[in-house]
Amino acid sequence: MAIAGLACGAIALVLIWFSVIGLVVAIAGIGLSVIGLTRADQGHADSKVVAGIGLASAAVATLAWLTFFAVAILS
């Protein structure tokens, strides 16, 4: 799950420039990364750092998309 979250976060950072699909991918990345962190905390996985990076990149993508959206609305 952590690697999928990282992949979604990285893809979302690119897709936020093109459409709403970037936001959807970023939200999926956040969910997958949280699942990965939970599994790592429970001892079922060893990829806590990967899940953390995935969560951070997906969160940045989400915040960037929301910022671009707000600027577009206010302009």
N, C-alpha and C. Protein backbone atom coordinates (compact mmCIF):
# COMPACT_ATOMS: atom_id res chain seq x y z
N MET A 1 0.81 -1.19 0.00
CA MET A 1 0.00 0.00 0.00
C MET A 1 0.86 1.26 0.00
N ALA A 2 1.99 1.21 0.68
CA ALA A 2 2.84 2.40 0.77
C ALA A 2 3.41 2.78 -0.59
N ILE A 3 3.81 1.80 -1.36
CA ILE A 3 4.37 2.09 -2.68
C ILE A 3 3.28 2.64 -3.60
N ALA A 4 2.08 2.11 -3.49
CA ALA A 4 0.97 2.63 -4.29
C ALA A 4 0.66 4.07 -3.89
N GLY A 5 0.72 4.37 -2.59
CA GLY A 5 0.50 5.73 -2.13
C GLY A 5 1.56 6.68 -2.64
N LEU A 6 2.81 6.22 -2.64
CA LEU A 6 3.90 7.03 -3.17
C LEU A 6 3.72 7.28 -4.66
N ALA A 7 3.35 6.24 -5.39
CA ALA A 7 3.13 6.39 -6.83
C ALA A 7 1.98 7.36 -7.11
N CYS A 8 0.89 7.23 -6.38
CA CYS A 8 -0.24 8.14 -6.57
C CYS A 8 0.15 9.58 -6.23
N GLY A 9 0.92 9.76 -5.17
CA GLY A 9 1.37 11.10 -4.81
C GLY A 9 2.24 11.73 -5.88
N ALA A 10 3.16 10.94 -6.42
CA ALA A 10 4.04 11.46 -7.48
C ALA A 10 3.26 11.76 -8.75
N ILE A 11 2.35 10.89 -9.12
CA ILE A 11 1.54 11.11 -10.31
C ILE A 11 0.63 12.32 -10.12
N ALA A 12 0.10 12.48 -8.93
CA ALA A 12 -0.78 13.62 -8.64
C ALA A 12 -0.04 14.94 -8.77
N LEU A 13 1.24 14.96 -8.39
CA LEU A 13 2.01 16.20 -8.52
C LEU A 13 2.12 16.65 -9.98
N VAL A 14 2.06 15.70 -10.89
CA VAL A 14 2.10 16.04 -12.31
C VAL A 14 0.70 16.37 -12.82
N LEU A 15 -0.29 15.59 -12.40
CA LEU A 15 -1.64 15.74 -12.95
C LEU A 15 -2.40 16.95 -12.43
N ILE A 16 -1.96 17.56 -11.33
CA ILE A 16 -2.69 18.72 -10.83
C ILE A 16 -2.65 19.88 -11.82
N TRP A 17 -1.70 19.87 -12.72
CA TRP A 17 -1.59 20.95 -13.69
C TRP A 17 -2.59 20.79 -14.82
N PHE A 18 -3.20 19.62 -14.96
CA PHE A 18 -4.01 19.35 -16.14
C PHE A 18 -5.51 19.29 -15.88
N SER A 19 -5.92 18.68 -14.80
CA SER A 19 -7.37 18.52 -14.62
C SER A 19 -7.70 18.14 -13.18
N VAL A 20 -8.97 17.88 -12.96
CA VAL A 20 -9.46 17.48 -11.65
C VAL A 20 -8.98 16.07 -11.31
N ILE A 21 -8.59 15.31 -12.29
CA ILE A 21 -8.12 13.94 -12.03
C ILE A 21 -6.91 13.94 -11.11
N GLY A 22 -6.13 15.00 -11.12
CA GLY A 22 -5.00 15.11 -10.21
C GLY A 22 -5.44 15.13 -8.75
N LEU A 23 -6.55 15.81 -8.49
CA LEU A 23 -7.08 15.84 -7.12
C LEU A 23 -7.57 14.46 -6.70
N VAL A 24 -8.22 13.76 -7.61
CA VAL A 24 -8.71 12.41 -7.31
C VAL A 24 -7.54 11.48 -7.01
N VAL A 25 -6.50 11.55 -7.81
CA VAL A 25 -5.32 10.70 -7.60
C VAL A 25 -4.63 11.08 -6.30
N ALA A 26 -4.58 12.36 -5.98
CA ALA A 26 -3.95 12.80 -4.72
C ALA A 26 -4.71 12.28 -3.51
N ILE A 27 -6.03 12.33 -3.56
CA ILE A 27 -6.84 11.82 -2.46
C ILE A 27 -6.65 10.31 -2.31
N ALA A 28 -6.57 9.61 -3.44
CA ALA A 28 -6.30 8.17 -3.38
C ALA A 28 -4.92 7.92 -2.78
N GLY A 29 -3.94 8.75 -3.13
CA GLY A 29 -2.60 8.62 -2.56
C GLY A 29 -2.57 8.84 -1.06
N ILE A 30 -3.37 9.79 -0.60
CA ILE A 30 -3.45 10.03 0.84
C ILE A 30 -4.03 8.81 1.54
N GLY A 31 -5.11 8.28 0.99
CA GLY A 31 -5.72 7.09 1.59
C GLY A 31 -4.80 5.89 1.61
N LEU A 32 -4.14 5.62 0.50
CA LEU A 32 -3.23 4.48 0.43
C LEU A 32 -2.03 4.66 1.35
N SER A 33 -1.54 5.88 1.46
CA SER A 33 -0.40 6.13 2.33
C SER A 33 -0.78 5.97 3.80
N VAL A 34 -1.97 6.42 4.16
CA VAL A 34 -2.43 6.25 5.54
C VAL A 34 -2.58 4.76 5.87
N ILE A 35 -3.11 3.99 4.93
CA ILE A 35 -3.20 2.54 5.14
C ILE A 35 -1.81 1.94 5.28
N GLY A 36 -0.87 2.39 4.45
CA GLY A 36 0.50 1.90 4.54
C GLY A 36 1.16 2.24 5.87
N LEU A 37 0.93 3.46 6.36
CA LEU A 37 1.47 3.85 7.67
C LEU A 37 0.86 3.02 8.79
N THR A 38 -0.44 2.78 8.71
CA THR A 38 -1.11 1.97 9.72
C THR A 38 -0.58 0.56 9.75
N ARG A 39 -0.40 -0.02 8.56
CA ARG A 39 0.14 -1.38 8.49
C ARG A 39 1.57 -1.44 9.00
N ALA A 40 2.34 -0.40 8.74
CA ALA A 40 3.72 -0.37 9.23
C ALA A 40 3.75 -0.23 10.75
N ASP A 41 2.84 0.56 11.30
CA ASP A 41 2.78 0.71 12.76
C ASP A 41 2.37 -0.59 13.44
N GLN A 42 1.53 -1.36 12.78
CA GLN A 42 1.08 -2.63 13.34
C GLN A 42 2.11 -3.75 13.15
N GLY A 43 3.15 -3.48 12.40
CA GLY A 43 4.20 -4.47 12.18
C GLY A 43 3.97 -5.38 10.99
N HIS A 44 2.97 -5.08 10.17
CA HIS A 44 2.67 -5.91 9.01
C HIS A 44 3.47 -5.50 7.77
N ALA A 45 4.14 -4.35 7.83
CA ALA A 45 4.91 -3.86 6.69
C ALA A 45 6.13 -3.11 7.20
N ASP A 46 7.12 -2.99 6.34
CA ASP A 46 8.37 -2.32 6.72
C ASP A 46 8.56 -0.98 6.02
N SER A 47 7.56 -0.49 5.35
CA SER A 47 7.73 0.66 4.47
C SER A 47 7.14 1.94 5.06
N LYS A 48 7.47 2.23 6.30
CA LYS A 48 6.93 3.42 6.96
C LYS A 48 7.44 4.71 6.31
N VAL A 49 8.70 4.75 5.93
CA VAL A 49 9.27 5.95 5.31
C VAL A 49 8.64 6.18 3.94
N VAL A 50 8.46 5.12 3.17
CA VAL A 50 7.85 5.25 1.84
C VAL A 50 6.42 5.77 1.98
N ALA A 51 5.68 5.24 2.94
CA ALA A 51 4.30 5.70 3.16
C ALA A 51 4.29 7.17 3.59
N GLY A 52 5.24 7.58 4.41
CA GLY A 52 5.32 8.97 4.83
C GLY A 52 5.61 9.91 3.68
N ILE A 53 6.51 9.50 2.81
CA ILE A 53 6.82 10.32 1.64
C ILE A 53 5.62 10.38 0.70
N GLY A 54 4.94 9.26 0.54
CA GLY A 54 3.73 9.23 -0.28
C GLY A 54 2.66 10.15 0.27
N LEU A 55 2.48 10.12 1.59
CA LEU A 55 1.50 10.99 2.23
C LEU A 55 1.87 12.45 2.05
N ALA A 56 3.13 12.77 2.21
CA ALA A 56 3.58 14.16 2.05
C ALA A 56 3.39 14.64 0.61
N SER A 57 3.76 13.84 -0.37
CA SER A 57 3.63 14.28 -1.76
C SER A 57 2.17 14.40 -2.17
N ALA A 58 1.32 13.50 -1.70
CA ALA A 58 -0.10 13.60 -2.02
C ALA A 58 -0.73 14.81 -1.32
N ALA A 59 -0.30 15.09 -0.11
CA ALA A 59 -0.82 16.26 0.60
C ALA A 59 -0.39 17.55 -0.09
N VAL A 60 0.85 17.61 -0.54
CA VAL A 60 1.33 18.79 -1.27
C VAL A 60 0.54 18.96 -2.57
N ALA A 61 0.29 17.87 -3.26
CA ALA A 61 -0.49 17.94 -4.50
C ALA A 61 -1.90 18.43 -4.24
N THR A 62 -2.51 17.94 -3.16
CA THR A 62 -3.86 18.38 -2.81
C THR A 62 -3.89 19.86 -2.47
N LEU A 63 -2.96 20.29 -1.64
CA LEU A 63 -2.90 21.71 -1.27
C LEU A 63 -2.61 22.60 -2.48
N ALA A 64 -1.75 22.15 -3.37
CA ALA A 64 -1.45 22.93 -4.57
C ALA A 64 -2.69 23.04 -5.45
N TRP A 65 -3.42 21.94 -5.63
CA TRP A 65 -4.63 21.98 -6.45
C TRP A 65 -5.65 22.92 -5.84
N LEU A 66 -5.85 22.83 -4.53
CA LEU A 66 -6.81 23.71 -3.87
C LEU A 66 -6.40 25.17 -3.96
N THR A 67 -5.10 25.44 -3.88
CA THR A 67 -4.61 26.81 -4.02
C THR A 67 -4.84 27.33 -5.43
N PHE A 68 -4.54 26.52 -6.45
CA PHE A 68 -4.78 26.94 -7.82
C PHE A 68 -6.27 27.18 -8.07
N PHE A 69 -7.09 26.33 -7.50
CA PHE A 69 -8.54 26.46 -7.66
C PHE A 69 -9.04 27.75 -7.01
N ALA A 70 -8.55 28.03 -5.80
CA ALA A 70 -8.96 29.24 -5.10
C ALA A 70 -8.52 30.50 -5.86
N VAL A 71 -7.30 30.49 -6.38
CA VAL A 71 -6.80 31.63 -7.14
C VAL A 71 -7.63 31.82 -8.40
N ALA A 72 -8.00 30.73 -9.06
CA ALA A 72 -8.81 30.82 -10.27
C ALA A 72 -10.20 31.37 -9.97
N ILE A 73 -10.76 30.99 -8.83
CA ILE A 73 -12.08 31.48 -8.47
C ILE A 73 -12.03 32.96 -8.10
N LEU A 74 -11.00 33.37 -7.38
CA LEU A 74 -10.91 34.75 -6.91
C LEU A 74 -10.43 35.72 -7.97
N SER A 75 -9.89 35.21 -9.05
CA SER A 75 -9.37 36.11 -10.10
C SER A 75 -10.45 36.63 -11.00
